[in-house]
Amino acid sequence: MERPLVVTDSSENVVEIIREAGELAANTDSPLTVLTVVTESEYEKDAEVLGTIEAVEGSSYDLGPVAYAKEVAQTAIADLLSDLDIETEAIGKFVDDESDRADAILEVAAENDCDYVFLMGRRRSPTGKAIFGDTAQSVILNFDGYVVTMSE
């Protein structure tokens, strides 16, 4: 079975890769797992924005980091995949920092028997990769299936 996993976030950069993963799932009649991995710093930044919206609207967006990450994945499904006749699952993961992101992706891929991982890569210099690591590179080196990447 060909089962894709697509890694998303709240940016506009992921639209094309989410559609590609959705098309694969539709063409192979496979379920699609949509994963959002949020770091502590990303969550804090987004929580601050949500707090401002709450104050203006008078509503509540009181979500913990995992629930917030899952909500981002569910929004991607609703906004970008609703026209495809596919089964989807939204998963949210919270990690302490960027260095844990690849492990979270690999863990979800293994738990869901995924054959494909779709994710955005970031352009970094070789020095930046050596110092900060690179999620896409780590997934490519450690995943036993196909990895599809696009760069920002």
N, C-alpha and C. Protein backbone atom coordinates (compact mmCIF):
# COMPACT_ATOMS: atom_id res chain seq x y z
N MET A 1 0.84 -1.18 0.00
CA MET A 1 0.00 0.00 0.00
C MET A 1 0.88 1.24 0.00
N GLU A 2 0.51 2.22 -0.75
CA GLU A 2 1.22 3.49 -0.77
C GLU A 2 0.49 4.46 0.14
N ARG A 3 1.09 4.75 1.27
CA ARG A 3 0.46 5.64 2.25
C ARG A 3 1.35 6.86 2.47
N PRO A 4 0.89 8.03 2.05
CA PRO A 4 1.70 9.23 2.22
C PRO A 4 1.45 9.95 3.55
N LEU A 5 2.50 10.61 4.00
CA LEU A 5 2.47 11.51 5.14
C LEU A 5 2.96 12.85 4.62
N VAL A 6 2.21 13.90 4.89
CA VAL A 6 2.66 15.24 4.52
C VAL A 6 2.82 16.06 5.78
N VAL A 7 3.95 16.76 5.85
CA VAL A 7 4.26 17.60 7.00
C VAL A 7 3.92 19.03 6.63
N THR A 8 3.10 19.67 7.46
CA THR A 8 2.61 21.01 7.16
C THR A 8 2.90 21.96 8.30
N ASP A 9 2.64 23.22 8.06
CA ASP A 9 2.71 24.24 9.10
C ASP A 9 1.71 25.33 8.72
N SER A 10 1.73 26.43 9.42
CA SER A 10 0.73 27.46 9.17
C SER A 10 1.16 28.45 8.08
N SER A 11 2.26 28.20 7.41
CA SER A 11 2.73 29.12 6.37
C SER A 11 2.08 28.82 5.02
N GLU A 12 2.21 29.75 4.12
CA GLU A 12 1.69 29.58 2.76
C GLU A 12 2.61 28.72 1.90
N ASN A 13 3.83 28.46 2.35
CA ASN A 13 4.81 27.73 1.56
C ASN A 13 4.45 26.27 1.33
N VAL A 14 3.56 25.72 2.11
CA VAL A 14 3.28 24.29 2.07
C VAL A 14 2.12 23.90 1.15
N VAL A 15 1.47 24.86 0.54
CA VAL A 15 0.27 24.58 -0.25
C VAL A 15 0.55 23.56 -1.35
N GLU A 16 1.59 23.78 -2.12
CA GLU A 16 1.88 22.90 -3.26
C GLU A 16 2.22 21.48 -2.82
N ILE A 17 2.99 21.35 -1.77
CA ILE A 17 3.39 20.01 -1.34
C ILE A 17 2.21 19.25 -0.73
N ILE A 18 1.30 19.95 -0.07
CA ILE A 18 0.10 19.31 0.46
C ILE A 18 -0.78 18.80 -0.69
N ARG A 19 -0.91 19.61 -1.73
CA ARG A 19 -1.69 19.18 -2.90
C ARG A 19 -1.05 17.97 -3.57
N GLU A 20 0.27 17.96 -3.69
CA GLU A 20 0.97 16.82 -4.30
C GLU A 20 0.70 15.54 -3.51
N ALA A 21 0.81 15.62 -2.20
CA ALA A 21 0.55 14.45 -1.35
C ALA A 21 -0.92 14.01 -1.48
N GLY A 22 -1.82 14.97 -1.53
CA GLY A 22 -3.24 14.66 -1.71
C GLY A 22 -3.52 13.98 -3.03
N GLU A 23 -2.87 14.45 -4.08
CA GLU A 23 -3.05 13.83 -5.41
C GLU A 23 -2.54 12.39 -5.41
N LEU A 24 -1.39 12.15 -4.76
CA LEU A 24 -0.88 10.78 -4.67
C LEU A 24 -1.88 9.89 -3.94
N ALA A 25 -2.39 10.38 -2.81
CA ALA A 25 -3.37 9.60 -2.04
C ALA A 25 -4.62 9.31 -2.88
N ALA A 26 -5.09 10.31 -3.61
CA ALA A 26 -6.28 10.12 -4.44
C ALA A 26 -6.02 9.12 -5.57
N ASN A 27 -4.85 9.22 -6.19
CA ASN A 27 -4.54 8.33 -7.32
C ASN A 27 -4.26 6.90 -6.91
N THR A 28 -3.85 6.69 -5.68
CA THR A 28 -3.56 5.34 -5.19
C THR A 28 -4.64 4.83 -4.23
N ASP A 29 -5.69 5.62 -4.06
CA ASP A 29 -6.79 5.27 -3.16
C ASP A 29 -6.26 4.93 -1.76
N SER A 30 -5.38 5.80 -1.26
CA SER A 30 -4.74 5.60 0.04
C SER A 30 -5.15 6.70 1.00
N PRO A 31 -5.12 6.41 2.29
CA PRO A 31 -5.36 7.48 3.27
C PRO A 31 -4.14 8.39 3.34
N LEU A 32 -4.37 9.64 3.67
CA LEU A 32 -3.31 10.63 3.79
C LEU A 32 -3.22 11.10 5.24
N THR A 33 -2.03 11.02 5.79
CA THR A 33 -1.78 11.54 7.13
C THR A 33 -1.19 12.93 6.99
N VAL A 34 -1.79 13.90 7.66
CA VAL A 34 -1.31 15.28 7.63
C VAL A 34 -0.79 15.60 9.03
N LEU A 35 0.49 15.93 9.09
CA LEU A 35 1.18 16.14 10.36
C LEU A 35 1.67 17.57 10.48
N THR A 36 1.43 18.17 11.62
CA THR A 36 2.04 19.46 11.95
C THR A 36 2.89 19.26 13.20
N VAL A 37 4.15 19.65 13.10
CA VAL A 37 5.07 19.58 14.22
C VAL A 37 5.36 21.01 14.64
N VAL A 38 5.09 21.31 15.89
CA VAL A 38 5.27 22.67 16.41
C VAL A 38 6.35 22.65 17.49
N THR A 39 7.29 23.58 17.37
CA THR A 39 8.30 23.74 18.41
C THR A 39 7.77 24.70 19.47
N GLU A 40 8.42 24.71 20.60
CA GLU A 40 8.00 25.59 21.69
C GLU A 40 8.00 27.05 21.25
N SER A 41 9.05 27.48 20.55
CA SER A 41 9.14 28.88 20.13
C SER A 41 8.06 29.22 19.10
N GLU A 42 7.76 28.30 18.18
CA GLU A 42 6.70 28.54 17.20
C GLU A 42 5.34 28.66 17.89
N TYR A 43 5.10 27.77 18.85
CA TYR A 43 3.83 27.80 19.56
C TYR A 43 3.68 29.10 20.35
N GLU A 44 4.73 29.50 21.04
CA GLU A 44 4.65 30.74 21.81
C GLU A 44 4.38 31.95 20.92
N LYS A 45 5.02 32.00 19.77
CA LYS A 45 4.81 33.10 18.83
C LYS A 45 3.35 33.10 18.32
N ASP A 46 2.86 31.92 17.92
CA ASP A 46 1.49 31.82 17.42
C ASP A 46 0.47 32.04 18.52
N ALA A 47 0.77 31.62 19.74
CA ALA A 47 -0.13 31.84 20.88
C ALA A 47 -0.27 33.34 21.16
N GLU A 48 0.81 34.07 20.98
CA GLU A 48 0.76 35.52 21.17
C GLU A 48 -0.17 36.16 20.15
N VAL A 49 -0.08 35.72 18.90
CA VAL A 49 -0.96 36.23 17.84
C VAL A 49 -2.41 35.86 18.15
N LEU A 50 -2.64 34.61 18.56
CA LEU A 50 -4.00 34.18 18.90
C LEU A 50 -4.55 34.98 20.08
N GLY A 51 -3.70 35.31 21.04
CA GLY A 51 -4.13 36.13 22.17
C GLY A 51 -4.60 37.50 21.72
N THR A 52 -3.92 38.08 20.75
CA THR A 52 -4.34 39.38 20.21
C THR A 52 -5.69 39.25 19.51
N ILE A 53 -5.87 38.18 18.75
CA ILE A 53 -7.15 37.96 18.06
C ILE A 53 -8.26 37.75 19.09
N GLU A 54 -7.97 36.98 20.14
CA GLU A 54 -8.96 36.77 21.20
C GLU A 54 -9.42 38.08 21.79
N ALA A 55 -8.48 38.99 22.05
CA ALA A 55 -8.80 40.28 22.66
C ALA A 55 -9.70 41.10 21.75
N VAL A 56 -9.44 41.06 20.45
CA VAL A 56 -10.23 41.84 19.49
C VAL A 56 -11.61 41.21 19.29
N GLU A 57 -11.65 39.89 19.12
CA GLU A 57 -12.92 39.21 18.83
C GLU A 57 -13.75 38.92 20.08
N GLY A 58 -13.10 38.85 21.21
CA GLY A 58 -13.80 38.47 22.43
C GLY A 58 -14.10 36.99 22.48
N SER A 59 -13.34 36.19 21.73
CA SER A 59 -13.54 34.74 21.72
C SER A 59 -12.32 34.06 22.34
N SER A 60 -12.36 32.74 22.40
CA SER A 60 -11.27 32.01 23.04
C SER A 60 -10.67 30.99 22.08
N TYR A 61 -9.36 31.00 21.98
CA TYR A 61 -8.62 30.01 21.21
C TYR A 61 -7.65 29.31 22.14
N ASP A 62 -8.13 28.91 23.28
CA ASP A 62 -7.30 28.33 24.32
C ASP A 62 -6.94 26.89 23.96
N LEU A 63 -5.89 26.75 23.15
CA LEU A 63 -5.43 25.43 22.73
C LEU A 63 -4.03 25.19 23.26
N GLY A 64 -3.79 23.99 23.73
CA GLY A 64 -2.42 23.61 24.09
C GLY A 64 -1.62 23.39 22.82
N PRO A 65 -0.33 23.16 22.91
CA PRO A 65 0.50 23.04 21.72
C PRO A 65 0.14 21.87 20.82
N VAL A 66 -0.21 20.72 21.37
CA VAL A 66 -0.57 19.57 20.54
C VAL A 66 -1.91 19.82 19.84
N ALA A 67 -2.87 20.33 20.58
CA ALA A 67 -4.18 20.64 19.99
C ALA A 67 -4.04 21.73 18.92
N TYR A 68 -3.18 22.72 19.17
CA TYR A 68 -2.93 23.76 18.18
C TYR A 68 -2.32 23.16 16.91
N ALA A 69 -1.33 22.29 17.07
CA ALA A 69 -0.69 21.66 15.91
C ALA A 69 -1.69 20.83 15.12
N LYS A 70 -2.54 20.10 15.82
CA LYS A 70 -3.56 19.30 15.13
C LYS A 70 -4.55 20.20 14.40
N GLU A 71 -4.90 21.32 14.99
CA GLU A 71 -5.82 22.28 14.35
C GLU A 71 -5.22 22.83 13.06
N VAL A 72 -3.92 23.08 13.04
CA VAL A 72 -3.24 23.54 11.82
C VAL A 72 -3.36 22.47 10.74
N ALA A 73 -3.15 21.21 11.11
CA ALA A 73 -3.28 20.10 10.15
C ALA A 73 -4.71 19.97 9.65
N GLN A 74 -5.70 20.10 10.54
CA GLN A 74 -7.10 20.01 10.14
C GLN A 74 -7.50 21.15 9.21
N THR A 75 -6.96 22.33 9.46
CA THR A 75 -7.23 23.48 8.59
C THR A 75 -6.66 23.24 7.21
N ALA A 76 -5.46 22.68 7.12
CA ALA A 76 -4.86 22.36 5.82
C ALA A 76 -5.72 21.37 5.06
N ILE A 77 -6.24 20.38 5.76
CA ILE A 77 -7.12 19.40 5.11
C ILE A 77 -8.37 20.08 4.58
N ALA A 78 -9.01 20.88 5.42
CA ALA A 78 -10.25 21.56 5.02
C ALA A 78 -10.02 22.54 3.87
N ASP A 79 -8.94 23.30 3.93
CA ASP A 79 -8.69 24.33 2.93
C ASP A 79 -8.13 23.80 1.62
N LEU A 80 -7.31 22.76 1.67
CA LEU A 80 -6.56 22.36 0.48
C LEU A 80 -6.92 20.99 -0.08
N LEU A 81 -7.62 20.18 0.69
CA LEU A 81 -7.88 18.82 0.22
C LEU A 81 -9.36 18.46 0.16
N SER A 82 -10.22 19.39 0.45
CA SER A 82 -11.65 19.08 0.54
C SER A 82 -12.25 18.64 -0.79
N ASP A 83 -11.63 19.00 -1.91
CA ASP A 83 -12.16 18.62 -3.21
C ASP A 83 -11.72 17.21 -3.63
N LEU A 84 -10.82 16.59 -2.88
CA LEU A 84 -10.34 15.25 -3.20
C LEU A 84 -11.12 14.22 -2.38
N ASP A 85 -11.43 13.11 -3.00
CA ASP A 85 -12.16 12.04 -2.32
C ASP A 85 -11.15 11.10 -1.66
N ILE A 86 -10.59 11.56 -0.52
CA ILE A 86 -9.59 10.76 0.18
C ILE A 86 -9.88 10.76 1.67
N GLU A 87 -9.40 9.70 2.30
CA GLU A 87 -9.47 9.61 3.76
C GLU A 87 -8.26 10.34 4.31
N THR A 88 -8.47 11.18 5.32
CA THR A 88 -7.37 11.94 5.91
C THR A 88 -7.36 11.77 7.42
N GLU A 89 -6.19 11.96 7.98
CA GLU A 89 -6.04 11.99 9.42
C GLU A 89 -5.11 13.14 9.78
N ALA A 90 -5.54 13.98 10.69
CA ALA A 90 -4.73 15.11 11.16
C ALA A 90 -4.04 14.72 12.46
N ILE A 91 -2.74 14.99 12.52
CA ILE A 91 -1.96 14.69 13.73
C ILE A 91 -1.15 15.93 14.09
N GLY A 92 -1.13 16.25 15.37
CA GLY A 92 -0.30 17.34 15.86
C GLY A 92 0.74 16.82 16.83
N LYS A 93 1.95 17.31 16.69
CA LYS A 93 3.05 16.93 17.59
C LYS A 93 3.72 18.19 18.11
N PHE A 94 4.15 18.14 19.35
CA PHE A 94 4.87 19.23 19.98
C PHE A 94 6.27 18.74 20.33
N VAL A 95 7.29 19.50 19.93
CA VAL A 95 8.67 19.17 20.26
C VAL A 95 9.32 20.37 20.94
N ASP A 96 10.33 20.09 21.75
CA ASP A 96 10.99 21.16 22.48
C ASP A 96 11.72 22.13 21.56
N ASP A 97 12.43 21.60 20.58
CA ASP A 97 13.14 22.49 19.67
C ASP A 97 13.27 21.86 18.29
N GLU A 98 13.83 22.62 17.39
CA GLU A 98 13.94 22.24 15.98
C GLU A 98 14.68 20.91 15.79
N SER A 99 15.64 20.61 16.64
CA SER A 99 16.43 19.39 16.48
C SER A 99 15.60 18.12 16.68
N ASP A 100 14.44 18.24 17.31
CA ASP A 100 13.57 17.08 17.55
C ASP A 100 12.53 16.86 16.45
N ARG A 101 12.44 17.79 15.51
CA ARG A 101 11.40 17.74 14.48
C ARG A 101 11.51 16.48 13.61
N ALA A 102 12.71 16.14 13.14
CA ALA A 102 12.88 14.97 12.27
C ALA A 102 12.46 13.69 12.98
N ASP A 103 12.85 13.56 14.25
CA ASP A 103 12.47 12.37 15.01
C ASP A 103 10.96 12.24 15.13
N ALA A 104 10.27 13.35 15.33
CA ALA A 104 8.80 13.32 15.42
C ALA A 104 8.19 12.88 14.09
N ILE A 105 8.73 13.38 12.99
CA ILE A 105 8.22 13.01 11.66
C ILE A 105 8.44 11.52 11.42
N LEU A 106 9.63 11.03 11.71
CA LEU A 106 9.93 9.61 11.51
C LEU A 106 9.07 8.72 12.40
N GLU A 107 8.81 9.17 13.63
CA GLU A 107 7.96 8.42 14.55
C GLU A 107 6.54 8.29 14.01
N VAL A 108 5.97 9.39 13.54
CA VAL A 108 4.61 9.36 13.00
C VAL A 108 4.56 8.52 11.73
N ALA A 109 5.57 8.63 10.88
CA ALA A 109 5.62 7.82 9.65
C ALA A 109 5.63 6.33 9.99
N ALA A 110 6.41 5.95 10.97
CA ALA A 110 6.48 4.54 11.37
C ALA A 110 5.17 4.07 11.99
N GLU A 111 4.59 4.88 12.87
CA GLU A 111 3.33 4.51 13.54
C GLU A 111 2.18 4.34 12.55
N ASN A 112 2.24 5.06 11.42
CA ASN A 112 1.15 5.02 10.44
C ASN A 112 1.50 4.23 9.19
N ASP A 113 2.59 3.48 9.22
CA ASP A 113 3.03 2.65 8.09
C ASP A 113 3.09 3.43 6.78
N CYS A 114 3.68 4.61 6.83
CA CYS A 114 3.77 5.47 5.65
C CYS A 114 4.92 5.03 4.75
N ASP A 115 4.66 5.09 3.45
CA ASP A 115 5.68 4.77 2.44
C ASP A 115 6.32 6.03 1.88
N TYR A 116 5.63 7.15 2.00
CA TYR A 116 6.08 8.43 1.47
C TYR A 116 6.04 9.48 2.58
N VAL A 117 7.01 10.38 2.56
CA VAL A 117 6.98 11.56 3.41
C VAL A 117 7.17 12.77 2.49
N PHE A 118 6.24 13.70 2.56
CA PHE A 118 6.31 14.96 1.82
C PHE A 118 6.60 16.06 2.83
N LEU A 119 7.65 16.86 2.59
CA LEU A 119 7.94 17.96 3.50
C LEU A 119 8.70 19.07 2.79
N MET A 120 8.58 20.24 3.37
CA MET A 120 9.30 21.41 2.86
C MET A 120 10.71 21.39 3.44
N GLY A 121 11.66 21.73 2.58
CA GLY A 121 13.04 21.90 3.04
C GLY A 121 13.33 23.38 3.15
N ARG A 122 14.35 23.70 3.89
CA ARG A 122 14.78 25.09 4.01
C ARG A 122 16.16 25.22 3.40
N ARG A 123 16.36 26.29 2.69
CA ARG A 123 17.69 26.53 2.12
C ARG A 123 18.61 26.99 3.24
N ARG A 124 19.68 26.24 3.41
CA ARG A 124 20.68 26.58 4.42
C ARG A 124 22.06 26.37 3.82
N SER A 125 22.98 27.13 4.31
CA SER A 125 24.36 26.95 3.90
C SER A 125 24.88 25.66 4.53
N PRO A 126 25.97 25.10 3.98
CA PRO A 126 26.56 23.91 4.61
C PRO A 126 26.92 24.15 6.08
N THR A 127 27.38 25.34 6.40
CA THR A 127 27.70 25.66 7.79
C THR A 127 26.44 25.66 8.65
N GLY A 128 25.37 26.24 8.13
CA GLY A 128 24.10 26.26 8.85
C GLY A 128 23.58 24.85 9.11
N LYS A 129 23.72 23.97 8.12
CA LYS A 129 23.29 22.58 8.30
C LYS A 129 24.12 21.89 9.37
N ALA A 130 25.42 22.16 9.37
CA ALA A 130 26.31 21.52 10.34
C ALA A 130 26.01 21.98 11.76
N ILE A 131 25.71 23.26 11.92
CA ILE A 131 25.47 23.80 13.25
C ILE A 131 24.05 23.53 13.73
N PHE A 132 23.07 23.80 12.87
CA PHE A 132 21.67 23.72 13.28
C PHE A 132 20.99 22.41 12.88
N GLY A 133 21.60 21.63 12.01
CA GLY A 133 20.96 20.43 11.51
C GLY A 133 19.95 20.78 10.43
N ASP A 134 19.43 19.79 9.80
CA ASP A 134 18.46 20.02 8.74
C ASP A 134 17.42 18.91 8.82
N THR A 135 16.17 19.28 9.03
CA THR A 135 15.10 18.30 9.19
C THR A 135 14.95 17.44 7.95
N ALA A 136 14.87 18.07 6.78
CA ALA A 136 14.67 17.31 5.54
C ALA A 136 15.82 16.32 5.32
N GLN A 137 17.04 16.77 5.53
CA GLN A 137 18.18 15.89 5.33
C GLN A 137 18.13 14.70 6.29
N SER A 138 17.79 14.94 7.53
CA SER A 138 17.69 13.86 8.51
C SER A 138 16.60 12.87 8.15
N VAL A 139 15.46 13.36 7.68
CA VAL A 139 14.38 12.46 7.26
C VAL A 139 14.82 11.64 6.05
N ILE A 140 15.45 12.28 5.07
CA ILE A 140 15.92 11.57 3.88
C ILE A 140 16.88 10.44 4.27
N LEU A 141 17.80 10.73 5.18
CA LEU A 141 18.80 9.74 5.56
C LEU A 141 18.26 8.61 6.43
N ASN A 142 17.17 8.86 7.16
CA ASN A 142 16.69 7.89 8.13
C ASN A 142 15.34 7.25 7.82
N PHE A 143 14.70 7.63 6.74
CA PHE A 143 13.39 7.07 6.40
C PHE A 143 13.57 5.95 5.39
N ASP A 144 12.86 4.86 5.58
CA ASP A 144 13.01 3.70 4.71
C ASP A 144 12.06 3.71 3.52
N GLY A 145 11.49 4.85 3.20
CA GLY A 145 10.59 4.96 2.05
C GLY A 145 11.02 6.11 1.18
N TYR A 146 10.05 6.63 0.44
CA TYR A 146 10.30 7.75 -0.46
C TYR A 146 10.11 9.07 0.28
N VAL A 147 10.98 10.02 0.02
CA VAL A 147 10.87 11.35 0.61
C VAL A 147 10.79 12.35 -0.53
N VAL A 148 9.74 13.16 -0.51
CA VAL A 148 9.54 14.21 -1.50
C VAL A 148 9.72 15.53 -0.79
N THR A 149 10.66 16.34 -1.27
CA THR A 149 10.90 17.62 -0.64
C THR A 149 10.77 18.74 -1.67
N MET A 150 10.41 19.87 -1.21
CA MET A 150 10.41 21.10 -1.99
C MET A 150 11.07 22.14 -1.11
N SER A 151 11.78 23.09 -1.72
CA SER A 151 12.39 24.13 -0.91
C SER A 151 11.62 25.43 -1.04
N GLU A 152 11.70 26.21 0.02
CA GLU A 152 10.97 27.48 0.09
C GLU A 152 11.46 28.43 -0.96
